[in-house]
Protein backbone atom coordinates (compact mmCIF):
# COMPACT_ATOMS: atom_id res chain seq x y z
CA GLN A 1 96.74 83.92 112.12
CA VAL A 2 95.32 81.87 108.80
CA GLN A 3 96.35 82.34 105.06
CA LEU A 4 93.87 81.75 102.29
CA VAL A 5 94.23 80.96 98.75
CA GLU A 6 91.19 80.74 96.17
CA SER A 7 91.07 78.88 93.09
CA GLY A 8 88.72 78.02 90.28
CA GLY A 9 87.50 81.14 88.71
CA GLY A 10 86.78 81.93 85.11
CA LEU A 11 84.94 82.98 82.17
CA VAL A 12 81.52 80.92 81.62
CA GLN A 13 78.21 81.61 80.00
CA ALA A 14 74.99 82.04 81.64
CA GLY A 15 73.39 79.09 82.83
CA GLU A 16 76.73 77.13 83.41
CA SER A 17 78.46 76.06 86.57
CA LEU A 18 81.71 76.99 88.46
CA ARG A 19 83.17 75.58 91.83
CA LEU A 20 85.48 77.74 93.70
CA SER A 21 87.89 76.64 96.39
CA CYS A 22 89.56 78.14 99.07
CA THR A 23 92.40 76.51 100.94
CA ALA A 24 93.69 77.75 104.19
CA SER A 25 96.87 77.43 105.85
CA GLY A 26 97.31 76.00 109.57
CA ARG A 27 96.07 73.33 111.70
CA THR A 28 92.75 74.37 113.24
CA PHE A 29 90.72 74.93 110.29
CA SER A 30 87.88 73.36 111.94
CA ALA A 31 88.03 76.31 114.54
CA TYR A 32 86.98 78.72 111.84
CA THR A 33 83.54 79.87 110.31
CA MET A 34 84.46 80.35 106.48
CA ALA A 35 82.55 82.61 104.25
CA TRP A 36 82.59 83.88 100.58
CA PHE A 37 82.12 87.42 99.61
CA ARG A 38 82.16 89.19 96.39
CA GLN A 39 82.89 92.67 94.79
CA ALA A 40 81.55 93.78 91.34
CA PRO A 41 83.03 96.67 89.90
CA GLY A 42 81.65 99.83 91.18
CA LYS A 43 80.01 97.94 93.83
CA GLU A 44 80.19 97.32 97.75
CA ARG A 45 81.50 94.09 98.69
CA GLU A 46 78.71 91.48 99.00
CA PHE A 47 78.40 88.67 101.60
CA VAL A 48 77.24 85.46 99.60
CA ALA A 49 77.54 82.49 102.16
CA PHE A 50 78.92 81.24 105.19
CA ILE A 51 79.75 77.68 106.91
CA THR A 52 80.43 76.89 110.41
CA GLY A 53 83.35 74.79 111.56
CA ASN A 54 81.47 71.80 111.63
CA SER A 55 79.21 72.31 108.60
CA GLY A 56 76.37 72.71 110.95
CA ARG A 57 74.76 75.79 109.66
CA LYS A 58 75.05 77.17 105.93
CA ILE A 59 73.56 80.45 105.07
CA TYR A 60 73.16 82.33 101.77
CA ALA A 61 72.50 85.41 100.69
CA ASP A 62 68.74 85.78 99.06
CA SER A 63 70.72 86.26 95.73
CA VAL A 64 72.52 83.19 95.47
CA LYS A 65 70.02 80.93 97.63
CA GLY A 66 68.98 77.72 95.65
CA ARG A 67 71.95 78.03 93.03
CA PHE A 68 75.18 78.33 95.35
CA THR A 69 76.41 75.65 97.81
CA ILE A 70 78.89 76.19 100.29
CA SER A 71 80.91 73.30 101.78
CA ARG A 72 84.01 72.36 103.33
CA ASP A 73 86.39 69.53 103.96
CA ASN A 74 88.08 70.30 107.33
CA ALA A 75 90.76 67.44 106.35
CA LYS A 76 91.80 69.27 103.32
CA ASN A 77 91.44 72.83 104.88
CA THR A 78 89.37 73.67 102.01
CA VAL A 79 86.01 75.55 101.73
CA TYR A 80 83.90 75.29 98.25
CA LEU A 81 81.77 77.40 96.68
CA GLN A 82 79.54 75.36 94.20
CA MET A 83 77.67 77.90 91.53
CA ASN A 84 75.06 76.88 89.27
CA SER A 85 72.89 78.29 87.10
CA LEU A 86 75.17 81.40 86.90
CA LYS A 87 74.10 84.74 85.72
CA PRO A 88 75.50 87.95 84.43
CA GLU A 89 75.09 89.57 87.50
CA ASP A 90 76.99 86.98 89.35
CA THR A 91 80.51 88.52 87.58
CA ALA A 92 82.21 89.72 90.50
CA VAL A 93 85.76 88.73 92.22
CA TYR A 94 84.97 86.41 94.80
CA CYS A 95 86.93 86.14 98.09
CA CYS A 96 86.89 83.71 100.93
CA ALA A 97 87.19 84.87 104.44
CA ALA A 98 87.61 83.39 107.82
CA ALA A 99 86.20 84.30 111.49
CA PRO A 100 88.16 83.04 114.14
CA PHE A 101 85.23 81.07 115.72
CA SER A 102 83.58 77.84 115.02
CA SER A 103 80.11 79.04 115.13
CA ALA A 104 80.33 82.64 114.10
CA TRP A 105 77.40 84.47 112.43
CA VAL A 106 78.70 86.20 109.47
CA SER A 107 76.75 88.87 107.38
CA SER A 108 79.19 91.34 106.70
CA GLN A 109 82.87 92.13 105.98
CA TYR A 110 83.48 93.30 109.69
CA ASP A 111 82.31 89.89 110.84
CA VAL A 112 85.63 88.31 109.55
CA ASN A 113 89.15 88.77 110.12
CA TYR A 114 91.27 87.00 107.46
CA TRP A 115 90.95 87.43 103.63
CA GLY A 116 91.87 85.58 100.68
CA GLN A 117 93.27 87.75 97.54
CA GLY A 118 90.16 86.92 95.14
CA THR A 119 89.44 84.92 92.28
CA GLN A 120 87.55 86.67 89.28
CA VAL A 121 84.37 85.07 88.03
CA THR A 122 82.99 86.47 84.79
CA VAL A 123 79.64 85.20 83.49
CA SER A 124 78.63 86.35 79.82
CA GLN A 125 75.31 86.42 78.15
């Protein structure tokens, strides 16, 4: 069992940046593949990015590739999502998630087992 708590959301203007953080409980953080998802109002939950336990693999959705960077600090039990060049269409609730395998492949919400409560990101024109 792992508990996830996100922080760092907020309201920004288009073109600006935000960094989201997600801190996990437990002592085996490196054993989890971590991911970020987002859900905009009226839309389905969407995969954003994932990172394996040793940071050896990082995969991004096409919609954020080149603008977002996922990283992790296993000593701090924390995964980050650096979001640059934000667009209004990035507006959503962003959730971190965990799969209990260090080298999982995550592409949908069905690939993860644990979820944070989410943090709102709003990008204005």
